[in-house]
N, C-alpha and C. Protein backbone atom coordinates (compact mmCIF):
# COMPACT_ATOMS: atom_id res chain seq x y z
N MET A 1 38.36 52.84 9.99
CA MET A 1 38.77 51.32 9.14
C MET A 1 38.37 49.94 9.11
N ALA A 2 38.63 49.44 10.74
CA ALA A 2 38.16 48.56 10.79
C ALA A 2 36.97 47.98 10.34
N VAL A 3 35.90 49.05 11.09
CA VAL A 3 34.77 48.85 11.26
C VAL A 3 33.98 48.46 9.37
N TYR A 4 34.89 49.70 8.77
CA TYR A 4 34.33 49.81 7.29
C TYR A 4 34.34 47.78 6.96
N ALA A 5 35.51 47.33 7.51
CA ALA A 5 36.46 46.03 6.97
C ALA A 5 35.35 45.15 7.43
N TRP A 6 34.62 45.36 8.86
CA TRP A 6 34.38 44.48 9.10
C TRP A 6 32.55 43.94 8.02
N ARG A 7 31.89 45.18 8.02
CA ARG A 7 30.99 45.14 7.72
C ARG A 7 30.87 44.69 6.09
N ALA A 8 31.91 45.31 5.71
CA ALA A 8 32.16 44.72 3.90
C ALA A 8 32.57 42.69 3.97
N ARG A 9 33.16 42.66 5.48
CA ARG A 9 32.98 41.01 5.00
C ARG A 9 31.52 40.41 5.84
N ASP A 10 30.44 40.94 6.35
CA ASP A 10 29.78 40.61 7.06
C ASP A 10 28.57 40.67 5.64
N ARG A 11 28.42 42.09 4.75
CA ARG A 11 27.96 41.37 3.55
C ARG A 11 28.09 40.16 2.49
N LEU A 12 29.28 40.57 2.62
CA LEU A 12 29.56 39.03 1.77
C LEU A 12 29.06 37.89 2.54
N THR A 13 29.50 37.53 3.66
CA THR A 13 29.13 36.17 4.25
C THR A 13 27.57 36.40 4.34
N PHE A 14 26.81 37.59 3.95
CA PHE A 14 25.27 37.30 3.94
C PHE A 14 25.30 36.48 2.95
N ALA A 15 25.54 37.56 1.73
CA ALA A 15 25.37 36.98 0.44
C ALA A 15 25.46 35.83 0.35
N ALA A 16 26.86 34.82 1.06
CA ALA A 16 27.28 33.32 0.82
C ALA A 16 25.84 32.62 1.43
N VAL A 17 25.02 33.09 2.64
CA VAL A 17 24.21 32.01 3.49
C VAL A 17 23.26 32.46 2.48
N LEU A 18 22.57 33.89 2.20
CA LEU A 18 21.73 34.38 1.22
C LEU A 18 21.37 33.12 -0.07
N ALA A 19 22.76 32.91 -0.75
CA ALA A 19 22.74 32.15 -2.18
C ALA A 19 22.16 30.48 -1.85
N LEU A 20 22.86 30.59 -0.17
CA LEU A 20 22.43 28.59 0.34
C LEU A 20 20.92 28.49 0.26
N THR A 21 20.57 29.61 1.29
CA THR A 21 19.69 29.54 1.50
C THR A 21 18.51 29.64 0.19
N THR A 22 18.25 30.41 -0.80
CA THR A 22 17.72 29.99 -2.52
C THR A 22 17.46 28.88 -2.85
N ALA A 23 19.18 27.82 -3.01
CA ALA A 23 19.21 26.58 -3.41
C ALA A 23 18.52 25.93 -2.26
N GLN A 24 18.47 25.84 -1.09
CA GLN A 24 17.73 24.88 -0.42
C GLN A 24 16.45 25.27 -0.25
N THR A 25 15.86 26.58 -0.52
CA THR A 25 15.10 26.37 -0.19
C THR A 25 13.69 25.78 -1.81
N ILE A 26 14.57 26.50 -2.71
CA ILE A 26 14.39 25.71 -4.27
C ILE A 26 14.61 23.96 -4.46
N PHE A 27 15.31 23.28 -3.80
CA PHE A 27 15.32 21.85 -3.58
C PHE A 27 13.85 21.65 -2.47
N SER A 28 14.10 22.34 -1.40
CA SER A 28 12.89 21.70 -0.82
C SER A 28 11.27 21.82 -1.58
N ILE A 29 11.50 22.51 -2.34
CA ILE A 29 10.22 22.96 -3.22
C ILE A 29 9.98 21.86 -4.24
N ALA A 30 11.06 21.80 -4.61
CA ALA A 30 10.83 20.34 -5.40
C ALA A 30 10.62 19.05 -4.75
N LEU A 31 11.62 18.89 -3.46
CA LEU A 31 11.56 17.66 -2.50
C LEU A 31 9.48 17.48 -1.98
N GLY A 32 9.23 18.77 -1.66
CA GLY A 32 7.78 18.79 -1.41
C GLY A 32 6.99 18.42 -2.58
N VAL A 33 7.21 18.78 -3.57
CA VAL A 33 6.31 18.73 -4.93
C VAL A 33 6.13 16.95 -5.30
N MET A 34 7.70 16.74 -4.87
CA MET A 34 7.40 15.14 -5.36
C MET A 34 6.96 14.48 -4.01
N ALA A 35 7.35 14.85 -3.09
CA ALA A 35 6.56 14.37 -1.45
C ALA A 35 4.67 13.78 -1.81
N VAL A 36 4.77 14.98 -2.24
CA VAL A 36 3.02 15.23 -2.99
C VAL A 36 2.27 14.20 -3.52
N LEU A 37 3.40 14.39 -4.95
CA LEU A 37 2.60 13.18 -6.08
C LEU A 37 2.96 11.91 -5.63
N ILE A 38 4.13 12.10 -4.99
CA ILE A 38 4.17 10.23 -4.26
C ILE A 38 2.70 9.87 -3.76
N THR A 39 2.56 10.56 -2.51
CA THR A 39 2.27 10.38 -1.61
C THR A 39 0.42 10.20 -2.18
N GLY A 40 -0.16 11.33 -3.42
CA GLY A 40 -1.20 11.31 -4.16
C GLY A 40 -1.12 10.01 -4.69
N PHE A 41 -0.35 9.44 -5.59
CA PHE A 41 -0.77 8.40 -6.20
C PHE A 41 -0.74 7.30 -5.29
N GLY A 42 0.25 6.99 -4.37
CA GLY A 42 -0.10 5.64 -3.07
C GLY A 42 -1.48 5.97 -3.02
N ILE A 43 -2.21 7.32 -2.76
CA ILE A 43 -3.44 6.91 -2.04
C ILE A 43 -4.43 6.47 -3.28
N TYR A 44 -4.32 7.06 -4.42
CA TYR A 44 -4.94 6.74 -5.71
C TYR A 44 -4.70 4.79 -5.93
N VAL A 45 -3.63 4.62 -5.86
CA VAL A 45 -3.94 2.78 -5.73
C VAL A 45 -4.20 2.14 -5.04
N VAL A 46 -4.44 2.82 -3.47
CA VAL A 46 -4.81 2.13 -3.01
C VAL A 46 -6.51 2.04 -2.42
N SER A 47 -6.85 2.89 -3.20
CA SER A 47 -8.10 3.52 -3.38
C SER A 47 -8.98 2.83 -4.20
N SER A 48 -8.24 2.50 -5.98
CA SER A 48 -8.48 2.08 -6.55
C SER A 48 -8.16 0.40 -6.57
N THR A 49 -7.55 0.06 -5.55
CA THR A 49 -8.07 -1.65 -5.60
C THR A 49 -9.37 -1.60 -4.46
N MET A 50 -9.59 -0.50 -3.79
CA MET A 50 -10.60 -0.81 -2.94
C MET A 50 -11.99 -0.63 -3.83
N TRP A 51 -11.77 0.25 -4.72
CA TRP A 51 -12.84 0.10 -5.66
C TRP A 51 -13.26 -1.07 -6.98
N GLY A 52 -12.07 -1.52 -7.07
CA GLY A 52 -12.54 -2.81 -7.71
C GLY A 52 -12.23 -3.80 -6.72
N ASP A 53 -12.36 -4.25 -6.07
CA ASP A 53 -13.02 -5.04 -4.79
C ASP A 53 -12.10 -6.17 -4.74
N ARG A 54 -10.70 -5.72 -5.20
CA ARG A 54 -9.86 -6.53 -5.18
C ARG A 54 -9.08 -7.27 -3.82
N TRP A 55 -8.55 -6.01 -2.89
CA TRP A 55 -7.78 -6.37 -1.87
C TRP A 55 -8.94 -6.33 -0.67
N TYR A 56 -9.70 -5.76 -0.97
CA TYR A 56 -11.33 -5.36 0.25
C TYR A 56 -12.37 -5.87 -0.20
N PRO A 57 -12.75 -6.96 -0.40
CA PRO A 57 -14.01 -7.22 -0.90
C PRO A 57 -15.10 -6.56 0.18
N ARG A 58 -16.26 -6.12 -0.63
CA ARG A 58 -17.36 -5.68 0.24
C ARG A 58 -18.04 -6.82 0.71
N ASN A 59 -18.97 -6.21 1.91
CA ASN A 59 -20.05 -7.39 2.73
C ASN A 59 -21.18 -7.02 1.87
N LYS A 60 -21.38 -8.50 1.03
CA LYS A 60 -22.71 -8.49 0.21
C LYS A 60 -23.73 -9.03 1.03
N PRO A 61 -24.92 -8.65 1.25
CA PRO A 61 -25.61 -9.32 2.15
C PRO A 61 -26.40 -10.77 1.40
């Protein structure tokens, strides 16, 4: 009887940890997507200033 009660409690604990892990996984994916978007936008801004010859003037012979 004690082993069965322990297993039932263990299953409930595993379910609680699994639910938390799912929430953390979704949050991590969303955070990663935001980080990629922000990094991509930053790269775009830096490269557009280079193309526009604003911050980094080209060496003209």
